[in-house]
Amino acid sequence: MDLSLKIWRQKNKNEKGSMQDYSIKNIEPDMSFLEMLDVLNQQLISGGEEPVAFDHDCREGICGSCSLVINGAPHGPHKSTTTCQLHMRKFKSGDTIYIEPFRGSAFPIIKDLIVDRSSFDRIQQAGGYVSVNTSGNTVDANATPIPKPNADEAFKSAACIGCGACVAACKNSSAMLFVGAKVSQYAQLPQGKVERTERVKNMVVQMDKEGFGNCTNTGACEAHCPKEISLDNIVKLNREYLNSKIK
């Protein structure tokens, strides 16, 4: 496959960025999208040019690092797929592909396609934990009975990999789906009950402090989530928050 690439290049958050044009040839259809970028970078390095900076880690669709906007869609055109699991057979030879970083005031650009998503870390640190008995009399988690529907819902929420596609897809750059998933994950389980009311209040306060926008229920976050995190988590987040205020 021969492709034309238009890639956002930016030295740092203070410099003005722009789209740069690149041509690449002989790309195998079974390559992943990141492997294609590896080939491009090798081509640039061999030509004495600076390679394109992009984020990646596991390349197995579970770490959330490979966050790119491809042809206007977070993680690209294939539904329920992370960028690293997107294969070049989803494109045709001769295509022009636009590649940009995730956009959002709470996700400042570090360089080129890499953004700083530490705001997500700070939200989790504000309340995303559970009390654990470390006295020496710990109880095995499997010894705590949990209704299967609750366990299933907790697992669905825990599938969130914190990539930030929800923020990139939202016209308001809202993080409600991410925060909702993290709050719902613990609210479904008995281990999360101790900090339940404080957790949701602290995480919402931190979310607002980071500068994320409000949710207006357009559903773009769910549509572009690679792990299909449901909008139901936003409903649960609102319910948990209101209950914490009443209590």
Protein backbone atom coordinates (compact mmCIF):
# COMPACT_ATOMS: atom_id res chain seq x y z
CA MET A 1 0.00 0.00 0.00
CA ASP A 2 1.16 3.53 -0.83
CA LEU A 3 -0.24 6.22 1.47
CA SER A 4 -0.22 9.97 1.97
CA LEU A 5 -0.02 11.01 5.62
CA LYS A 6 -0.90 14.38 7.09
CA ILE A 7 0.51 14.42 10.63
CA TRP A 8 0.33 17.08 13.33
CA ARG A 9 3.84 18.21 14.32
CA GLN A 10 4.40 20.42 17.37
CA LYS A 11 7.63 20.85 19.37
CA ASN A 12 5.88 21.49 22.71
CA LYS A 13 2.71 22.97 24.19
CA ASN A 14 4.04 26.52 23.83
CA GLU A 15 5.01 26.26 20.16
CA LYS A 16 2.54 26.59 17.30
CA GLY A 17 1.95 23.29 15.52
CA SER A 18 0.90 22.43 11.97
CA MET A 19 0.02 19.51 9.71
CA GLN A 20 2.98 18.11 7.78
CA ASP A 21 2.78 15.94 4.66
CA TYR A 22 4.55 12.59 4.32
CA SER A 23 4.48 9.82 1.74
CA ILE A 24 5.04 6.19 2.60
CA LYS A 25 5.21 3.15 0.32
CA ASN A 26 4.98 -0.64 0.49
CA ILE A 27 2.93 -0.81 3.69
CA GLU A 28 1.65 -4.32 4.39
CA PRO A 29 -2.13 -4.55 4.98
CA ASP A 30 -1.53 -6.75 8.07
CA MET A 31 0.63 -4.14 9.78
CA SER A 32 -0.87 -2.36 12.76
CA PHE A 33 -1.28 1.40 12.56
CA LEU A 34 1.61 1.90 14.99
CA GLU A 35 3.84 -0.41 12.95
CA MET A 36 3.12 1.81 9.97
CA LEU A 37 4.27 4.81 12.02
CA ASP A 38 7.39 2.86 13.00
CA VAL A 39 8.17 2.39 9.30
CA LEU A 40 7.63 6.10 8.68
CA ASN A 41 9.92 7.04 11.56
CA GLN A 42 12.65 4.73 10.30
CA GLN A 43 12.30 6.41 6.91
CA LEU A 44 12.59 9.87 8.53
CA ILE A 45 15.59 8.89 10.65
CA SER A 46 17.36 7.42 7.61
CA GLY A 47 16.78 10.71 5.82
CA GLY A 48 18.20 12.75 8.70
CA GLU A 49 14.81 14.06 9.83
CA GLU A 50 13.31 14.05 13.31
CA PRO A 51 10.88 11.14 13.87
CA VAL A 52 7.25 11.68 14.79
CA ALA A 53 6.67 11.41 18.54
CA PHE A 54 3.71 9.23 19.47
CA ASP A 55 2.70 7.39 22.62
CA HIS A 56 2.60 3.59 22.93
CA ASP A 57 3.29 0.84 25.43
CA CYS A 58 1.64 -2.59 25.44
CA ARG A 59 0.41 -2.59 21.82
CA GLU A 60 -2.22 -5.10 22.94
CA GLY A 61 -5.17 -2.76 23.43
CA ILE A 62 -5.10 -2.69 27.22
CA CYS A 63 -2.84 0.18 28.37
CA GLY A 64 -4.60 3.15 26.73
CA SER A 65 -1.37 4.84 25.63
CA CYS A 66 -1.84 4.73 21.84
CA SER A 67 -4.28 7.61 21.67
CA LEU A 68 -4.48 9.18 18.21
CA VAL A 69 -7.22 10.91 16.25
CA ILE A 70 -7.25 9.23 12.83
CA ASN A 71 -9.30 10.84 10.06
CA GLY A 72 -11.23 12.77 12.69
CA ALA A 73 -12.10 9.79 14.90
CA PRO A 74 -10.39 8.90 18.20
CA HIS A 75 -8.57 5.58 17.61
CA GLY A 76 -9.63 5.58 13.96
CA PRO A 77 -12.52 4.32 11.84
CA HIS A 78 -12.97 0.83 13.28
CA LYS A 79 -15.40 0.64 16.21
CA SER A 80 -14.30 -0.80 19.57
CA THR A 81 -10.63 -0.84 18.58
CA THR A 82 -7.59 0.92 20.02
CA THR A 83 -5.08 2.55 17.67
CA CYS A 84 -2.52 -0.20 18.28
CA GLN A 85 -5.06 -2.87 17.31
CA LEU A 86 -6.15 -1.03 14.17
CA HIS A 87 -4.73 -2.70 11.06
CA MET A 88 -3.80 -1.07 7.79
CA ARG A 89 -6.22 -3.31 5.88
CA LYS A 90 -8.91 -0.88 7.06
CA PHE A 91 -7.42 1.59 4.56
CA LYS A 92 -6.80 1.45 0.80
CA SER A 93 -3.66 2.12 -1.20
CA GLY A 94 -3.70 5.75 -2.29
CA ASP A 95 -5.61 6.94 0.78
CA THR A 96 -4.76 10.17 2.58
CA ILE A 97 -4.76 9.67 6.36
CA TYR A 98 -4.98 12.54 8.83
CA ILE A 99 -3.28 11.86 12.18
CA GLU A 100 -3.67 14.23 15.14
CA PRO A 101 -3.29 14.13 18.93
CA PHE A 102 -6.25 13.98 21.29
CA ARG A 103 -7.60 17.50 21.76
CA GLY A 104 -8.68 18.98 25.09
CA SER A 105 -7.53 21.78 27.37
CA ALA A 106 -6.94 19.21 30.12
CA PHE A 107 -4.73 17.21 27.70
CA PRO A 108 -1.90 19.65 26.82
CA ILE A 109 0.39 18.57 24.00
CA ILE A 110 3.84 17.39 25.06
CA LYS A 111 5.20 16.87 21.54
CA ASP A 112 3.70 16.01 18.16
CA LEU A 113 1.07 13.33 18.85
CA ILE A 114 1.79 12.90 22.58
CA VAL A 115 -0.49 14.59 25.11
CA ASP A 116 -0.23 14.84 28.89
CA ARG A 117 -3.05 12.77 30.42
CA SER A 118 -1.82 12.96 34.00
CA SER A 119 -5.09 14.75 34.81
CA PHE A 120 -6.71 11.30 34.70
CA ASP A 121 -4.15 10.05 37.23
CA ARG A 122 -4.93 12.92 39.59
CA ILE A 123 -8.67 12.21 39.38
CA GLN A 124 -8.08 8.57 40.34
CA GLN A 125 -5.70 9.57 43.12
CA ALA A 126 -8.40 11.87 44.51
CA GLY A 127 -10.59 8.92 45.41
CA GLY A 128 -10.17 5.83 43.30
CA TYR A 129 -9.05 3.41 46.00
CA VAL A 130 -10.52 1.11 48.64
CA SER A 131 -9.61 0.50 52.28
CA VAL A 132 -7.69 -2.73 52.74
CA ASN A 133 -7.16 -4.59 55.99
CA THR A 134 -3.39 -5.02 56.33
CA SER A 135 -3.44 -6.06 59.99
CA GLY A 136 -2.49 -9.66 59.28
CA ASN A 137 -6.11 -10.82 59.43
CA THR A 138 -6.90 -10.14 55.80
CA VAL A 139 -9.88 -11.84 54.22
CA ASP A 140 -9.60 -13.40 50.78
CA ALA A 141 -11.64 -11.37 48.31
CA ASN A 142 -13.26 -14.53 46.98
CA ALA A 143 -14.71 -15.14 50.45
CA THR A 144 -16.92 -12.06 50.13
CA PRO A 145 -20.22 -12.97 48.45
CA ILE A 146 -21.12 -10.61 45.61
CA PRO A 147 -24.27 -10.99 43.47
CA LYS A 148 -23.31 -11.92 39.92
CA PRO A 149 -25.17 -8.96 38.33
CA ASN A 150 -23.14 -6.59 40.53
CA ALA A 151 -19.90 -8.34 39.68
CA ASP A 152 -20.71 -8.25 35.97
CA GLU A 153 -21.46 -4.53 36.07
CA ALA A 154 -18.28 -3.84 38.03
CA PHE A 155 -16.22 -5.77 35.46
CA LYS A 156 -17.83 -3.81 32.60
CA SER A 157 -16.91 -0.52 34.26
CA ALA A 158 -13.40 -1.74 35.13
CA ALA A 159 -12.78 -2.41 31.42
CA CYS A 160 -12.04 1.33 31.00
CA ILE A 161 -8.36 1.71 30.07
CA GLY A 162 -8.21 5.47 30.66
CA CYS A 163 -7.15 6.28 27.11
CA GLY A 164 -9.12 9.54 26.94
CA ALA A 165 -11.03 8.81 23.72
CA CYS A 166 -14.18 9.94 25.51
CA VAL A 167 -12.63 13.36 26.11
CA ALA A 168 -11.33 13.63 22.54
CA ALA A 169 -14.72 12.68 21.08
CA CYS A 170 -16.77 15.01 23.27
CA LYS A 171 -17.50 18.51 21.95
CA ASN A 172 -17.15 19.74 25.54
CA SER A 173 -14.02 17.68 26.35
CA SER A 174 -15.95 16.05 29.18
CA ALA A 175 -14.40 13.29 31.29
CA MET A 176 -17.72 12.11 32.73
CA LEU A 177 -17.57 8.67 31.09
CA PHE A 178 -14.08 8.01 32.47
CA VAL A 179 -14.94 9.24 35.97
CA GLY A 180 -18.29 7.45 35.86
CA ALA A 181 -16.59 4.16 35.02
CA LYS A 182 -14.09 4.51 37.88
CA VAL A 183 -16.78 5.48 40.40
CA SER A 184 -19.20 2.77 39.23
CA GLN A 185 -16.52 0.10 39.37
CA TYR A 186 -16.17 0.47 43.13
CA ALA A 187 -19.79 1.41 43.90
CA GLN A 188 -20.89 -2.06 42.72
CA LEU A 189 -18.63 -3.90 45.16
CA PRO A 190 -18.69 -4.23 48.97
CA GLN A 191 -14.95 -3.45 49.11
CA GLY A 192 -15.69 0.04 47.79
CA LYS A 193 -18.42 0.97 50.24
CA VAL A 194 -16.22 2.53 52.96
CA GLU A 195 -15.13 5.52 50.87
CA ARG A 196 -18.23 5.53 48.68
CA THR A 197 -19.57 9.01 49.47
CA GLU A 198 -16.20 10.73 49.79
CA ARG A 199 -14.83 9.05 46.67
CA VAL A 200 -17.40 10.44 44.25
CA LYS A 201 -17.26 13.95 45.72
CA ASN A 202 -13.46 14.09 45.63
CA MET A 203 -13.20 12.72 42.10
CA VAL A 204 -15.82 15.13 40.73
CA VAL A 205 -14.12 18.08 42.43
CA GLN A 206 -10.78 17.05 40.91
CA MET A 207 -12.37 16.53 37.49
CA ASP A 208 -13.69 20.09 37.54
CA LYS A 209 -10.38 21.41 38.81
CA GLU A 210 -8.57 19.83 35.85
CA GLY A 211 -10.71 21.83 33.42
CA PHE A 212 -12.82 19.13 31.78
CA GLY A 213 -16.14 20.26 30.29
CA ASN A 214 -19.66 19.28 31.24
CA CYS A 215 -21.65 16.36 29.85
CA THR A 216 -24.50 17.25 27.49
CA ASN A 217 -25.51 13.65 26.72
CA THR A 218 -24.62 13.59 23.01
CA GLY A 219 -23.21 10.06 23.37
CA ALA A 220 -20.03 10.63 21.35
CA CYS A 221 -17.96 9.29 24.24
CA GLU A 222 -19.67 5.89 24.22
CA ALA A 223 -19.60 5.74 20.40
CA HIS A 224 -15.82 6.18 20.26
CA CYS A 225 -14.84 4.23 23.39
CA PRO A 226 -12.60 1.30 22.35
CA LYS A 227 -13.88 -0.73 25.31
CA GLU A 228 -17.56 0.12 24.81
CA ILE A 229 -18.00 1.70 28.23
CA SER A 230 -21.72 2.45 28.55
CA LEU A 231 -23.35 5.82 29.15
CA ASP A 232 -25.05 4.09 32.07
CA ASN A 233 -21.88 4.85 34.01
CA ILE A 234 -22.61 8.57 33.74
CA VAL A 235 -26.08 7.92 35.14
CA LYS A 236 -24.51 5.98 38.03
CA LEU A 237 -21.98 8.77 38.60
CA ASN A 238 -24.77 11.36 38.87
CA ARG A 239 -26.73 9.10 41.23
CA GLU A 240 -23.71 8.47 43.43
CA TYR A 241 -22.91 12.19 43.54
CA LEU A 242 -26.46 13.19 44.48
CA ASN A 243 -26.61 10.49 47.16
CA SER A 244 -23.32 11.68 48.63
CA LYS A 245 -24.71 15.21 48.91
CA ILE A 246 -27.90 14.00 50.59
CA LYS A 247 -26.00 11.87 53.07
